[in-house]
């Protein structure tokens, strides 16, 4: 159950980043603290790309 909730929230991190870049930092760190460095980088890149696309749109 915890994994399901965590995966659900991880899917929405890029959207959270797009709305409040500074305010989301503690939440992002909390959700990604258990991830390997490579996975954390992938989540970060995806969040940046999504935020950039939303910002341009």
Protein backbone atom coordinates (compact mmCIF):
# COMPACT_ATOMS: atom_id res chain seq x y z
CA UNK A 1 0.00 0.00 0.00
CA UNK A 2 2.79 2.39 0.89
CA UNK A 3 4.53 1.64 -2.41
CA UNK A 4 1.35 2.38 -4.33
CA UNK A 5 0.93 5.74 -2.63
CA UNK A 6 4.59 6.57 -3.12
CA UNK A 7 4.43 5.68 -6.84
CA UNK A 8 1.28 7.77 -7.25
CA UNK A 9 2.94 10.77 -5.66
CA UNK A 10 6.14 10.28 -7.66
CA UNK A 11 4.08 10.55 -10.84
CA UNK A 12 2.93 14.03 -9.84
CA UNK A 13 6.27 15.49 -8.71
CA UNK A 14 6.85 17.12 -12.13
CA UNK A 15 3.53 18.93 -11.86
CA UNK A 16 4.28 20.09 -8.33
CA UNK A 17 7.63 21.45 -9.51
CA UNK A 18 5.92 23.38 -12.28
CA UNK A 19 3.62 25.12 -9.81
CA UNK A 20 5.95 25.94 -6.91
CA UNK A 21 9.64 25.40 -7.58
CA UNK A 22 11.05 26.53 -4.23
CA UNK A 23 8.25 25.23 -2.04
CA UNK A 24 8.45 21.72 -3.46
CA UNK A 25 12.13 21.12 -2.61
CA UNK A 26 11.48 19.57 0.83
CA UNK A 27 8.75 17.35 -0.60
CA UNK A 28 10.95 16.29 -3.52
CA UNK A 29 13.78 15.38 -1.15
CA UNK A 30 11.41 13.37 1.04
CA UNK A 31 9.94 11.40 -1.86
CA UNK A 32 13.29 10.68 -3.50
CA UNK A 33 15.46 10.01 -0.46
CA UNK A 34 15.20 6.22 -0.81
CA UNK A 35 15.99 6.19 -4.53
CA UNK A 36 19.31 5.33 -6.08
CA UNK A 37 21.24 8.26 -7.56
CA UNK A 38 20.42 7.26 -11.15
CA UNK A 39 16.69 7.05 -10.44
CA UNK A 40 16.79 10.37 -8.59
CA UNK A 41 18.48 11.98 -11.60
CA UNK A 42 15.80 10.56 -13.92
CA UNK A 43 13.02 11.94 -11.72
CA UNK A 44 14.79 15.31 -11.58
CA UNK A 45 15.23 15.46 -15.36
CA UNK A 46 11.60 14.49 -15.94
CA UNK A 47 10.45 17.16 -13.49
CA UNK A 48 12.59 19.83 -15.16
CA UNK A 49 11.40 18.90 -18.64
CA UNK A 50 7.76 18.86 -17.54
CA UNK A 51 8.08 22.19 -15.73
CA UNK A 52 9.78 23.71 -18.76
CA UNK A 53 7.11 22.43 -21.13
CA UNK A 54 4.34 23.76 -18.91
CA UNK A 55 6.15 27.08 -18.57
CA UNK A 56 6.45 27.45 -22.34
CA UNK A 57 2.85 26.40 -23.01
